[in-house]
Amino acid sequence: MLESVLEGELTDHLGHEPGERAEGGRDNYRNGHRSKTVITESGPVEIAVPRDRAGSFEPQLVKKRQRRLGGVDEMVLSRRRKG
């Protein structure tokens, strides 16, 4: 669930869906994922954080250099309700 929210954040950041061409000749595209382990109430969880070529993507759900993630269950449920 965390990974799908992160993918949605990257889609919003880039302005186009995976596999689509960027409009206006923009050069920033998806550039794979990096593995990250975060500590949750349930224990350590390994997630794949998407990245972009320009390195300008700043995830909001799991910020860069963040290792502890509190309130994951509440966070996921609230984002699900919002759509």
Protein backbone atom coordinates (compact mmCIF):
# COMPACT_ATOMS: atom_id res chain seq x y z
CA MET A 1 0.00 0.00 0.00
CA LEU A 2 2.81 2.42 0.84
CA GLU A 3 4.47 1.79 -2.51
CA SER A 4 1.29 2.54 -4.48
CA VAL A 5 0.89 5.86 -2.65
CA LEU A 6 4.52 6.73 -3.41
CA GLU A 7 3.95 5.87 -7.09
CA GLY A 8 0.93 8.21 -7.08
CA GLU A 9 3.05 10.98 -5.58
CA LEU A 10 5.64 10.53 -8.35
CA THR A 11 2.90 10.60 -11.01
CA ASP A 12 1.65 13.91 -9.59
CA HIS A 13 5.20 15.26 -9.50
CA LEU A 14 5.99 14.29 -13.11
CA GLY A 15 2.57 15.14 -14.52
CA HIS A 16 2.14 11.94 -16.53
CA GLU A 17 1.29 8.28 -15.96
CA PRO A 18 3.87 5.47 -16.21
CA GLY A 19 4.59 4.64 -19.84
CA GLU A 20 3.23 7.95 -21.17
CA ARG A 21 5.39 10.56 -22.90
CA ALA A 22 5.85 13.84 -21.08
CA GLU A 23 4.23 16.78 -22.83
CA GLY A 24 6.20 19.86 -23.78
CA GLY A 25 9.54 18.07 -24.15
CA ARG A 26 10.17 17.72 -20.42
CA ASP A 27 13.21 15.60 -19.67
CA ASN A 28 12.24 14.23 -16.26
CA TYR A 29 11.08 10.61 -16.30
CA ARG A 30 10.80 7.68 -13.92
CA ASN A 31 14.14 6.11 -13.09
CA GLY A 32 13.43 2.89 -11.24
CA HIS A 33 13.23 2.41 -7.49
CA ARG A 34 15.52 2.32 -4.51
CA SER A 35 15.11 -0.02 -1.60
CA LYS A 36 14.48 1.48 1.83
CA THR A 37 13.81 -0.10 5.22
CA VAL A 38 11.54 1.84 7.57
CA ILE A 39 10.68 1.01 11.17
CA THR A 40 6.93 0.80 11.84
CA GLU A 41 4.83 -0.23 14.82
CA SER A 42 4.76 -3.71 13.30
CA GLY A 43 8.55 -3.90 12.89
CA PRO A 44 10.93 -3.18 9.99
CA VAL A 45 9.37 -3.04 6.54
CA GLU A 46 11.30 -2.88 3.26
CA ILE A 47 9.71 -0.69 0.59
CA ALA A 48 10.64 0.32 -2.96
CA VAL A 49 10.71 4.10 -3.28
CA PRO A 50 10.33 5.39 -6.86
CA ARG A 51 12.79 7.94 -8.18
CA ASP A 52 13.06 10.32 -11.11
CA ARG A 53 15.98 11.13 -13.40
CA ALA A 54 16.36 14.71 -12.22
CA GLY A 55 16.39 13.72 -8.55
CA SER A 56 13.79 16.38 -7.78
CA PHE A 57 11.11 14.03 -6.42
CA GLU A 58 10.56 14.58 -2.66
CA PRO A 59 8.14 11.93 -1.33
CA GLN A 60 5.72 13.22 1.30
CA LEU A 61 4.60 9.90 2.80
CA VAL A 62 8.12 8.62 3.54
CA LYS A 63 10.48 11.57 3.32
CA LYS A 64 14.11 11.26 2.28
CA ARG A 65 16.36 10.09 5.14
CA GLN A 66 13.31 9.20 7.27
CA ARG A 67 13.74 5.83 9.01
CA ARG A 68 10.88 5.73 11.51
CA LEU A 69 7.31 5.74 10.29
CA GLY A 70 4.70 6.13 13.00
CA GLY A 71 0.95 5.86 12.50
CA VAL A 72 1.18 3.88 9.28
CA ASP A 73 -2.25 2.29 9.68
CA GLU A 74 -3.96 5.63 10.27
CA MET A 75 -2.03 7.27 7.42
CA VAL A 76 -2.96 4.56 4.91
CA LEU A 77 -6.62 4.59 5.91
CA SER A 78 -6.89 8.38 5.66
CA ARG A 79 -5.27 8.41 2.19
CA ARG A 80 -7.61 5.62 1.05
CA ARG A 81 -10.63 7.61 2.14
CA LYS A 82 -9.41 10.64 0.18
CA GLY A 83 -9.01 8.54 -2.97
